Protein backbone atom coordinates (compact mmCIF):
# COMPACT_ATOMS: atom_id res chain seq x y z
CA MET A 1 84.10 64.58 127.94
CA ILE A 2 81.18 64.89 125.50
CA LYS A 3 82.51 68.16 124.05
CA THR A 4 86.02 66.70 123.81
CA LEU A 5 84.83 63.74 121.78
CA LEU A 6 82.66 65.97 119.61
CA ILE A 7 85.67 68.15 118.77
CA GLY A 8 87.63 64.97 118.07
CA PHE A 9 84.85 63.83 115.74
CA LEU A 10 85.00 67.05 113.73
CA VAL A 11 88.78 66.90 113.47
CA LEU A 12 88.74 63.22 112.61
CA PHE A 13 86.30 63.55 109.73
CA CYS A 14 87.83 66.68 108.27
CA GLN A 15 91.19 64.95 108.18
CA LEU A 16 89.81 61.67 106.91
CA CYS A 17 88.41 63.58 103.95
CA SER A 18 91.91 64.43 102.77
CA LEU A 19 93.73 61.40 104.21
CA SER A 20 91.32 58.57 103.45
CA GLN A 21 94.16 56.39 102.26
CA ASN A 22 95.61 56.32 105.80
CA LEU A 23 93.50 53.69 107.57
CA VAL A 24 93.84 52.44 111.13
CA ASP A 25 94.79 49.04 109.77
CA ASP A 26 97.64 50.39 107.63
CA LYS A 27 100.16 47.59 107.93
CA GLU A 28 102.95 50.09 108.71
CA GLU A 29 101.13 52.05 111.41
CA TRP A 30 101.14 51.20 115.12
CA PHE A 31 99.64 53.67 117.58
CA TYR A 32 100.21 54.07 121.32
CA GLY A 33 97.17 53.80 123.54
CA LYS A 34 95.15 51.90 126.12
CA VAL A 35 93.16 48.65 126.01
CA ILE A 36 90.59 47.72 128.66
CA LEU A 37 89.99 43.98 128.70
CA ALA A 38 86.71 42.27 129.54
CA LYS A 39 88.36 40.54 132.51
CA GLY A 40 89.24 43.93 134.00
CA ASP A 41 92.90 44.42 133.08
CA THR A 42 94.13 47.68 131.55
CA LEU A 43 97.02 47.49 129.08
CA LEU A 44 99.27 50.25 127.75
CA GLY A 45 101.25 49.84 124.56
CA THR A 46 101.14 50.17 120.79
CA MET A 47 98.32 48.70 118.76
CA GLN A 48 97.00 48.09 115.29
CA TYR A 49 93.34 47.49 114.51
CA GLU A 50 92.67 45.28 111.49
CA MET A 51 89.19 46.31 110.35
CA GLN A 52 88.86 43.53 107.79
CA SER A 53 89.26 40.78 110.39
CA GLY A 54 88.04 42.71 113.43
CA ILE A 55 91.23 41.82 115.30
CA LEU A 56 93.18 44.15 117.57
CA LYS A 57 96.93 43.53 117.63
CA PHE A 58 98.66 44.76 120.77
CA ARG A 59 102.36 45.10 121.53
CA SER A 60 103.21 45.67 125.20
CA GLU A 61 106.13 47.74 126.45
CA ASP A 62 108.21 44.57 126.81
CA ASN A 63 107.59 43.98 123.05
CA ALA A 64 105.33 40.95 123.59
CA LEU A 65 102.70 40.65 120.84
CA ARG A 66 99.10 39.69 121.62
CA THR A 67 95.88 39.65 119.61
CA PHE A 68 92.36 40.34 120.87
CA SER A 69 88.87 39.95 119.47
CA ALA A 70 85.92 42.14 120.43
CA LEU A 71 84.81 39.37 122.80
CA GLN A 72 87.92 39.96 124.93
CA VAL A 73 87.91 43.76 124.97
CA ILE A 74 85.62 46.41 126.49
CA SER A 75 87.25 49.37 124.77
CA PHE A 76 90.49 50.72 123.36
CA ASP A 77 91.77 54.12 122.36
CA PHE A 78 94.94 55.50 120.86
CA TYR A 79 96.46 58.69 119.57
CA ASP A 80 96.46 58.55 115.77
CA THR A 81 99.75 60.17 114.72
CA VAL A 82 98.61 60.28 111.09
CA LEU A 83 95.33 62.10 111.74
CA LYS A 84 96.64 63.94 114.83
CA THR A 85 93.67 63.04 117.03
CA ARG A 86 92.67 60.50 119.68
CA ARG A 87 90.37 57.74 118.48
CA TYR A 88 88.03 55.65 120.63
CA PHE A 89 86.54 52.20 120.00
CA TYR A 90 84.07 50.12 122.01
CA SER A 91 83.06 46.48 121.83
CA LEU A 92 79.27 46.13 121.50
CA THR A 93 76.84 43.53 120.25
CA GLU A 94 74.44 44.31 117.43
CA HIS A 95 71.45 41.98 117.62
CA LYS A 96 69.94 41.25 114.24
CA LYS A 97 66.75 39.40 113.40
CA GLY A 98 67.21 35.66 113.70
CA ASP A 99 70.52 35.69 115.59
CA TYR A 100 71.96 36.56 118.96
CA GLY A 101 74.69 38.74 117.49
CA ALA A 102 78.37 38.77 118.31
CA PRO A 103 80.57 41.49 119.80
CA THR A 104 82.24 43.77 117.28
CA PHE A 105 84.29 46.96 117.47
CA PHE A 106 82.60 50.31 116.86
CA GLY A 107 84.37 53.64 116.42
CA VAL A 108 83.08 56.68 118.32
CA LEU A 109 81.81 59.77 116.49
CA TYR A 110 79.82 61.41 119.28
CA PHE A 111 79.63 60.13 122.85
CA ASN A 112 77.10 60.86 125.59
CA GLU A 113 77.42 58.45 128.50
CA ASN A 114 73.89 58.98 129.82
CA LYS A 115 71.96 59.47 126.59
CA ILE A 116 72.27 58.46 122.93
CA SER A 117 75.66 58.26 121.19
CA LEU A 118 76.68 57.94 117.54
CA PHE A 119 79.16 55.20 116.56
CA TYR A 120 80.36 53.82 113.24
CA LYS A 121 81.80 50.76 111.55
CA GLU A 122 83.77 51.03 108.34
CA ASN A 123 82.39 48.98 105.49
CA THR A 124 85.42 46.95 104.47
CA ARG A 125 83.75 45.73 101.26
CA TYR A 126 84.37 49.14 99.72
CA ALA A 127 87.20 51.62 99.43
CA PRO A 128 86.92 54.26 102.15
CA ILE A 129 85.12 57.43 101.09
CA TRP A 130 84.98 59.90 103.98
CA ASN A 131 83.02 63.09 103.46
CA THR A 132 81.69 65.44 106.15
CA ARG A 133 79.12 66.87 103.73
CA ALA A 134 77.45 63.62 102.77
CA ILE A 135 77.09 60.15 104.20
CA THR A 136 78.35 57.80 101.50
CA ARG A 137 76.45 54.52 101.83
CA GLU A 138 79.37 52.38 100.67
CA ALA A 139 81.96 53.88 103.00
CA TYR A 140 80.69 53.15 106.49
CA GLU A 141 77.70 52.23 108.62
CA LEU A 142 76.30 54.45 111.38
CA TYR A 143 74.78 53.27 114.65
CA PHE A 144 72.92 54.94 117.48
CA ILE A 145 73.98 53.56 120.85
CA PHE A 146 71.65 53.80 123.84
CA PRO A 147 72.66 53.98 127.55
CA ASP A 148 71.71 50.30 128.02
CA LYS A 149 74.24 49.51 125.24
CA SER A 150 71.53 48.51 122.77
CA VAL A 151 72.52 49.18 119.17
CA ARG A 152 70.31 50.57 116.39
CA ARG A 153 71.65 50.85 112.87
CA TYR A 154 70.90 54.11 111.09
CA HIS A 155 69.86 53.51 107.48
CA LYS A 156 70.57 57.10 106.47
CA SER A 157 66.99 58.10 105.81
CA ARG A 158 64.47 60.40 107.51
CA LYS A 159 62.25 57.40 108.27
CA SER A 160 65.12 55.57 109.96
CA LEU A 161 66.11 58.67 111.95
CA PHE A 162 62.62 59.24 113.38
CA SER A 163 62.18 55.54 114.07
CA ILE A 164 65.33 55.54 116.23
CA LEU A 165 64.76 58.95 117.80
CA SER A 166 61.23 57.94 118.70
CA GLU A 167 60.16 60.88 120.90
CA HIS A 168 59.74 64.66 120.50
CA HIS A 169 59.05 64.36 116.77
CA SER A 170 57.43 67.77 116.37
CA GLU A 171 60.29 69.56 118.15
CA LEU A 172 62.88 67.59 116.22
CA LYS A 173 61.25 68.26 112.84
CA HIS A 174 61.02 71.97 113.65
CA PHE A 175 64.69 72.07 114.66
CA ILE A 176 65.83 70.29 111.49
CA ASP A 177 63.72 72.47 109.20
CA ASN A 178 64.43 75.74 111.02
CA LYS A 179 68.20 75.14 110.93
CA SER A 180 68.10 73.72 107.37
CA LEU A 181 69.93 70.61 108.57
CA MET A 182 70.58 67.66 106.30
CA ILE A 183 70.34 64.12 107.67
CA HIS A 184 73.00 63.03 105.15
CA ASN A 185 75.47 65.55 106.55
CA LEU A 186 77.57 64.13 109.37
CA ASN A 187 78.07 67.46 111.13
CA ASP A 188 74.33 68.14 110.94
CA LEU A 189 73.53 64.65 112.21
CA VAL A 190 75.61 65.28 115.32
CA LYS A 191 73.82 68.62 115.84
CA ILE A 192 70.48 66.81 115.56
CA LEU A 193 71.51 64.21 118.11
CA GLU A 194 72.89 66.80 120.52
CA TYR A 195 69.62 68.73 120.32
CA TYR A 196 67.55 65.57 120.84
CA ASN A 197 69.61 64.54 123.87
CA ASN A 198 68.89 67.89 125.49
CA LEU A 199 65.12 67.75 125.03
């Protein structure tokens, strides 16, 4: 499962580089997939995720239209016929200083059920700029997700990385330097996380 999602991540970002105009919330695009609701139901049908509003529109096989917020959904996934890959989203709560946080949808880049995963949210204030070589600050936000579902935002700096990956610093630094990995490179960031999870 981990390797499958990692391959999907690589495919997704390579294709988003050249097809950044084709967003999930393209008003013409509906994708077939599965929604798991917080109350336990599983739904199959076509869906459209509106990133700007954080609303998932779902059309069942009997053509009934429903809308869901992140509060009502555990996860959803669909096969993206534009990007030719399966995409996964989870509802999680990011707790910020001074508030209790609210559930929001996160896309999956790299998933490890028992260790740390890497998720993302697109920054809807800016035009999408997807690049596997560099993390463009304006394009999207990255988050490390822990097994207890706690969420830590990655601020795309070495200080932020070592604050989140708080153990095995000497081994991690040696791995990054020895492999000449760049923390602003998405492929390298996944390699770093995979290595850390196996320590």
